């Protein structure tokens, strides 16, 4: 992967995280999951094909700026999804406890 391809991949990751943020804001969980997979493929490609790129100062600054934007998107996505995941976890735990109680009392009746 050359320097141009490296930056194109970082920009593709940034575009994907931007779409992920929009999906999270709109509670489009299936779309968010799909985009997470796409982002992971891009990241894996970057790691596999360009493990230690040598960039000049200008390209390095562009890369750092893109990474900061990706991290900002990620923080916003987490701020949206973590409360929803906690609520889902609570609902699943309640369901599991209800099922366990039903099983316990069913054997008594």
Protein backbone atom coordinates (compact mmCIF):
# COMPACT_ATOMS: atom_id res chain seq x y z
CA UNK A 1 0.00 0.00 0.00
CA UNK A 2 1.45 3.36 -0.96
CA UNK A 3 0.96 6.61 0.98
CA UNK A 4 -1.99 7.67 -1.16
CA UNK A 5 -3.73 4.34 -0.64
CA UNK A 6 -3.06 4.52 3.09
CA UNK A 7 -4.73 7.93 3.36
CA UNK A 8 -7.60 6.78 1.14
CA UNK A 9 -8.18 3.87 3.52
CA UNK A 10 -8.13 6.17 6.55
CA UNK A 11 -10.62 8.44 4.78
CA UNK A 12 -12.82 5.42 3.99
CA UNK A 13 -12.75 4.48 7.68
CA UNK A 14 -13.70 8.06 8.57
CA UNK A 15 -16.58 8.03 6.10
CA UNK A 16 -17.78 4.73 7.54
CA UNK A 17 -17.63 5.95 11.13
CA UNK A 18 -19.59 9.03 10.03
CA UNK A 19 -22.30 6.75 8.62
CA UNK A 20 -22.16 4.70 11.82
CA UNK A 21 -22.79 7.83 13.87
CA UNK A 22 -25.82 8.72 11.76
CA UNK A 23 -27.13 5.14 12.09
CA UNK A 24 -26.70 5.29 15.88
CA UNK A 25 -28.40 8.69 16.08
CA UNK A 26 -31.36 7.26 14.13
CA UNK A 27 -31.48 4.00 16.15
CA UNK A 28 -30.78 2.02 12.99
CA UNK A 29 -29.08 -0.85 14.82
CA UNK A 30 -28.95 -3.29 11.87
CA UNK A 31 -27.31 -0.62 9.72
CA UNK A 32 -24.88 0.20 12.53
CA UNK A 33 -23.89 -3.47 12.79
CA UNK A 34 -23.37 -3.70 9.03
CA UNK A 35 -21.22 -0.58 9.05
CA UNK A 36 -19.19 -1.85 12.02
CA UNK A 37 -18.28 -4.92 9.95
CA UNK A 38 -17.34 -2.72 7.01
CA UNK A 39 -15.17 -0.56 9.26
CA UNK A 40 -13.48 -3.62 10.70
CA UNK A 41 -12.66 -4.91 7.21
CA UNK A 42 -11.09 -1.58 6.29
CA UNK A 43 -9.10 -1.52 9.51
CA UNK A 44 -7.93 -5.11 9.01
CA UNK A 45 -6.89 -4.26 5.47
CA UNK A 46 -4.91 -1.29 6.71
CA UNK A 47 -3.16 -3.36 9.38
CA UNK A 48 -2.42 -6.24 7.01
CA UNK A 49 -1.26 -4.23 4.01
CA UNK A 50 0.45 -1.28 5.65
CA UNK A 51 1.69 -2.26 9.11
CA UNK A 52 4.33 0.48 9.38
CA UNK A 53 3.85 3.20 6.79
CA UNK A 54 6.48 5.85 6.35
CA UNK A 55 4.77 9.18 5.79
CA UNK A 56 6.23 12.61 5.28
CA UNK A 57 5.28 15.33 7.78
CA UNK A 58 2.33 16.66 5.77
CA UNK A 59 0.81 13.20 5.24
CA UNK A 60 1.43 12.29 8.86
CA UNK A 61 -0.46 15.40 9.99
CA UNK A 62 -3.36 14.50 7.68
CA UNK A 63 -3.38 10.96 9.07
CA UNK A 64 -3.40 12.22 12.67
CA UNK A 65 -6.26 14.64 11.88
CA UNK A 66 -8.31 11.82 10.33
CA UNK A 67 -7.64 9.54 13.31
CA UNK A 68 -8.80 12.28 15.71
CA UNK A 69 -12.03 12.64 13.71
CA UNK A 70 -12.54 8.85 13.75
CA UNK A 71 -12.05 8.79 17.52
CA UNK A 72 -14.50 11.68 17.95
CA UNK A 73 -17.12 9.79 15.93
CA UNK A 74 -16.43 6.67 17.97
CA UNK A 75 -16.91 8.54 21.25
CA UNK A 76 -20.26 9.90 20.06
CA UNK A 77 -21.36 6.45 18.91
CA UNK A 78 -20.48 4.99 22.30
CA UNK A 79 -22.35 7.77 24.08
CA UNK A 80 -25.46 6.79 22.10
CA UNK A 81 -25.15 3.01 22.18
CA UNK A 82 -23.93 2.33 25.73
CA UNK A 83 -27.16 3.43 27.48
CA UNK A 84 -29.19 1.41 24.97
CA UNK A 85 -26.98 -1.66 25.53
CA UNK A 86 -27.36 -1.32 29.33
CA UNK A 87 -31.15 -1.16 28.92
CA UNK A 88 -31.08 -4.23 26.67
CA UNK A 89 -28.88 -6.06 29.16
CA UNK A 90 -31.34 -5.25 31.95
CA UNK A 91 -34.25 -6.53 29.87
CA UNK A 92 -32.40 -9.77 29.10
CA UNK A 93 -31.46 -10.27 32.76
CA UNK A 94 -35.08 -9.75 33.78
CA UNK A 95 -36.21 -12.26 31.17
CA UNK A 96 -33.64 -14.80 32.37
CA UNK A 97 -34.71 -14.36 36.00
CA UNK A 98 -38.37 -14.71 35.04
CA UNK A 99 -37.61 -17.90 33.14
CA UNK A 100 -35.61 -19.31 36.08
CA UNK A 101 -38.45 -18.54 38.48
CA UNK A 102 -40.99 -20.14 36.17
CA UNK A 103 -38.85 -23.26 35.93
CA UNK A 104 -38.39 -23.39 39.68
CA UNK A 105 -42.09 -22.98 40.48
CA UNK A 106 -43.21 -25.23 37.65
CA UNK A 107 -41.43 -28.18 39.25
CA UNK A 108 -43.29 -27.50 42.54
CA UNK A 109 -46.76 -27.35 41.00
